[in-house]
Amino acid sequence: MKRYFGSSHDHLEIRSVEPQGHPLPVTKTGYKSLWPVHGEYASAEEAAGAVRDWLEESIGNQEWQEFVTESEQPCLF
């Protein structure tokens, strides 16, 4: 979490590390940039916990489930 000079927002970056750029439940590119209002999270640990909760919540969405299924069983045609 990083606050930018003169901004009333912090910057959070979510990215897949290994493999780099691998899709995540919240982004097909493996990267997501968020700009929460400064002070929305009291600490970096609190922000990380919110991101983990968001990822866990998103695992159940239909689009992500379809991606996982297709990744596990590639189409032969």
C-alpha atoms as a PDB file:
ATOM      1  CA  MET A   1       0.000   0.000   0.000  1.00  0.00           C
ATOM      2  CA  LYS A   2       1.492   3.294  -1.024  1.00  0.00           C
ATOM      3  CA  ARG A   3       0.174   6.832  -0.650  1.00  0.00           C
ATOM      4  CA  TYR A   4       0.917   9.211  -3.464  1.00  0.00           C
ATOM      5  CA  PHE A   5       1.921  12.805  -2.761  1.00  0.00           C
ATOM      6  CA  GLY A   6      -1.024  15.160  -2.985  1.00  0.00           C
ATOM      7  CA  SER A   7      -3.522  12.324  -3.366  1.00  0.00           C
ATOM      8  CA  SER A   8      -6.342  11.341  -1.043  1.00  0.00           C
ATOM      9  CA  HIS A   9      -5.965   7.727  -2.168  1.00  0.00           C
ATOM     10  CA  ASP A  10      -3.592   4.853  -1.565  1.00  0.00           C
ATOM     11  CA  HIS A  11      -2.438   2.485  -4.290  1.00  0.00           C
ATOM     12  CA  LEU A  12      -2.756  -1.289  -4.015  1.00  0.00           C
ATOM     13  CA  GLU A  13      -1.312  -3.608  -6.647  1.00  0.00           C
ATOM     14  CA  ILE A  14      -2.451  -7.206  -6.929  1.00  0.00           C
ATOM     15  CA  ARG A  15      -0.344  -9.379  -9.189  1.00  0.00           C
ATOM     16  CA  SER A  16       0.311 -13.038  -9.773  1.00  0.00           C
ATOM     17  CA  VAL A  17       3.932 -13.887  -9.137  1.00  0.00           C
ATOM     18  CA  GLU A  18       4.407 -17.491 -10.165  1.00  0.00           C
ATOM     19  CA  PRO A  19       3.732 -17.921 -12.938  1.00  0.00           C
ATOM     20  CA  GLN A  20       3.957 -14.224 -13.648  1.00  0.00           C
ATOM     21  CA  GLY A  21       0.876 -12.835 -15.374  1.00  0.00           C
ATOM     22  CA  HIS A  22      -1.252 -15.912 -14.610  1.00  0.00           C
ATOM     23  CA  PRO A  23      -4.956 -15.030 -14.373  1.00  0.00           C
ATOM     24  CA  LEU A  24      -6.452 -14.497 -10.932  1.00  0.00           C
ATOM     25  CA  PRO A  25     -10.133 -14.648  -9.935  1.00  0.00           C
ATOM     26  CA  VAL A  26     -10.281 -10.830 -10.076  1.00  0.00           C
ATOM     27  CA  THR A  27      -8.249 -10.241 -13.257  1.00  0.00           C
ATOM     28  CA  LYS A  28      -7.492 -12.102 -16.472  1.00  0.00           C
ATOM     29  CA  THR A  29      -4.117 -10.394 -16.817  1.00  0.00           C
ATOM     30  CA  GLY A  30      -2.716 -11.330 -13.406  1.00  0.00           C
ATOM     31  CA  TYR A  31      -2.552  -7.637 -12.432  1.00  0.00           C
ATOM     32  CA  LYS A  32      -5.057  -5.357 -10.752  1.00  0.00           C
ATOM     33  CA  SER A  33      -4.559  -1.801  -9.557  1.00  0.00           C
ATOM     34  CA  LEU A  34      -6.854  -0.404  -6.852  1.00  0.00           C
ATOM     35  CA  TRP A  35      -7.067   3.117  -5.438  1.00  0.00           C
ATOM     36  CA  PRO A  36      -8.832   2.996  -2.043  1.00  0.00           C
ATOM     37  CA  VAL A  37      -9.397   6.239  -0.141  1.00  0.00           C
ATOM     38  CA  HIS A  38      -6.471   6.959   2.175  1.00  0.00           C
ATOM     39  CA  GLY A  39      -7.207   5.549   5.601  1.00  0.00           C
ATOM     40  CA  GLU A  40      -9.723   2.945   4.383  1.00  0.00           C
ATOM     41  CA  TYR A  41      -7.260   0.347   5.674  1.00  0.00           C
ATOM     42  CA  ALA A  42      -5.464   1.008   8.941  1.00  0.00           C
ATOM     43  CA  SER A  43      -2.394  -1.005   7.914  1.00  0.00           C
ATOM     44  CA  ALA A  44      -0.852  -2.940   5.060  1.00  0.00           C
ATOM     45  CA  GLU A  45      -1.852  -6.149   6.865  1.00  0.00           C
ATOM     46  CA  GLU A  46      -5.492  -5.043   6.920  1.00  0.00           C
ATOM     47  CA  ALA A  47      -5.355  -4.222   3.188  1.00  0.00           C
ATOM     48  CA  ALA A  48      -3.776  -7.620   2.462  1.00  0.00           C
ATOM     49  CA  GLY A  49      -6.538  -9.324   4.444  1.00  0.00           C
ATOM     50  CA  ALA A  50      -9.197  -7.458   2.453  1.00  0.00           C
ATOM     51  CA  VAL A  51      -7.534  -8.525  -0.813  1.00  0.00           C
ATOM     52  CA  ARG A  52      -7.390 -12.159   0.369  1.00  0.00           C
ATOM     53  CA  ASP A  53     -11.089 -12.021   1.264  1.00  0.00           C
ATOM     54  CA  TRP A  54     -11.901 -10.530  -2.157  1.00  0.00           C
ATOM     55  CA  LEU A  55      -9.904 -13.249  -3.939  1.00  0.00           C
ATOM     56  CA  GLU A  56     -11.561 -16.003  -1.898  1.00  0.00           C
ATOM     57  CA  GLU A  57     -14.996 -14.536  -2.634  1.00  0.00           C
ATOM     58  CA  SER A  58     -14.219 -14.311  -6.357  1.00  0.00           C
ATOM     59  CA  ILE A  59     -13.155 -17.955  -6.604  1.00  0.00           C
ATOM     60  CA  GLY A  60     -16.828 -18.904  -6.698  1.00  0.00           C
ATOM     61  CA  ASN A  61     -17.812 -16.730  -9.681  1.00  0.00           C
ATOM     62  CA  GLN A  62     -18.898 -18.571 -12.820  1.00  0.00           C
ATOM     63  CA  GLU A  63     -16.302 -17.035 -15.147  1.00  0.00           C
ATOM     64  CA  TRP A  64     -13.443 -18.109 -12.857  1.00  0.00           C
ATOM     65  CA  GLN A  65     -14.879 -21.599 -12.443  1.00  0.00           C
ATOM     66  CA  GLU A  66     -15.094 -21.969 -16.235  1.00  0.00           C
ATOM     67  CA  PHE A  67     -11.460 -20.849 -16.566  1.00  0.00           C
ATOM     68  CA  VAL A  68     -10.330 -23.388 -13.962  1.00  0.00           C
ATOM     69  CA  THR A  69     -12.283 -26.197 -15.633  1.00  0.00           C
ATOM     70  CA  GLU A  70     -10.870 -25.354 -19.073  1.00  0.00           C
ATOM     71  CA  SER A  71      -7.353 -25.138 -17.639  1.00  0.00           C
ATOM     72  CA  GLU A  72      -7.623 -28.562 -16.063  1.00  0.00           C
ATOM     73  CA  GLN A  73      -9.254 -30.242 -19.069  1.00  0.00           C
ATOM     74  CA  PRO A  74      -8.214 -28.654 -22.350  1.00  0.00           C
ATOM     75  CA  CYS A  75     -10.603 -28.925 -25.279  1.00  0.00           C
ATOM     76  CA  LEU A  76      -9.365 -31.387 -27.893  1.00  0.00           C
ATOM     77  CA  PHE A  77     -11.371 -29.829 -30.705  1.00  0.00           C
END
